[in-house]
Protein backbone atom coordinates (compact mmCIF):
# COMPACT_ATOMS: atom_id res chain seq x y z
CA MET A 1 30.69 -11.21 7.11
CA GLU A 2 26.91 -11.44 7.52
CA GLN A 3 26.41 -9.67 4.20
CA PHE A 4 28.51 -12.24 2.44
CA ASN A 5 26.77 -15.14 4.16
CA THR A 6 23.61 -14.32 2.42
CA ILE A 7 25.03 -16.05 -0.60
CA GLU A 8 23.92 -19.58 -0.77
CA LYS A 9 26.53 -22.04 0.56
CA ALA A 10 28.85 -19.27 1.81
CA ASP A 11 29.91 -20.25 5.25
CA LEU A 12 32.09 -17.57 6.74
CA LYS A 13 32.50 -17.67 10.49
CA GLU A 14 33.70 -15.02 13.09
CA SER A 15 37.11 -16.97 13.28
CA ASP A 16 37.53 -16.30 9.59
CA LEU A 17 37.89 -12.60 10.19
CA THR A 18 41.57 -13.13 11.01
CA LYS A 19 42.25 -15.30 7.96
CA TYR A 20 42.34 -14.90 4.19
CA ARG A 21 39.05 -16.61 3.36
CA HIS A 22 37.22 -16.51 0.00
CA ILE A 23 34.03 -17.56 -1.55
CA PRO A 24 34.57 -19.65 -4.78
CA LEU A 25 33.20 -18.06 -7.97
CA HIS A 26 31.18 -21.38 -8.57
CA VAL A 27 29.44 -20.74 -5.19
CA ILE A 28 28.60 -17.14 -6.26
CA ALA A 29 27.50 -18.23 -9.71
CA ALA A 30 25.30 -21.00 -8.40
CA ASP A 31 23.19 -18.58 -6.32
CA PRO A 32 20.71 -16.86 -8.65
CA GLU A 33 21.15 -13.61 -6.81
CA GLY A 34 24.98 -14.18 -6.09
CA GLN A 35 26.27 -11.20 -8.21
CA THR A 36 23.74 -8.82 -6.68
CA LYS A 37 24.58 -10.15 -3.22
CA VAL A 38 28.28 -9.67 -3.64
CA LEU A 39 27.81 -6.22 -4.93
CA ASN A 40 25.51 -5.33 -2.10
CA ALA A 41 28.10 -6.72 0.49
CA LEU A 42 30.79 -4.57 -1.06
CA ARG A 43 28.66 -1.48 -0.99
CA TRP A 44 27.92 -2.12 2.59
CA MET A 45 31.62 -2.44 3.31
CA GLU A 46 32.30 0.82 1.66
CA GLU A 47 29.70 2.55 3.65
CA GLN A 48 31.12 1.23 6.83
CA ILE A 49 34.66 2.54 5.81
CA ASP A 50 33.31 5.89 4.86
CA ARG A 51 31.69 6.19 8.28
CA ALA A 52 34.82 5.34 10.19
């Protein structure tokens, strides 16, 4: 969650972990590094799953 919150205007909270939350594409697109931040967050998630 913290990884995705690096995207400007993404505002995920701990309570969102039990919900189906999303970050709208326009929010990702508005962040100059949005695409990179999403990819980094997904890579981080993959690493955490591989470690489990």
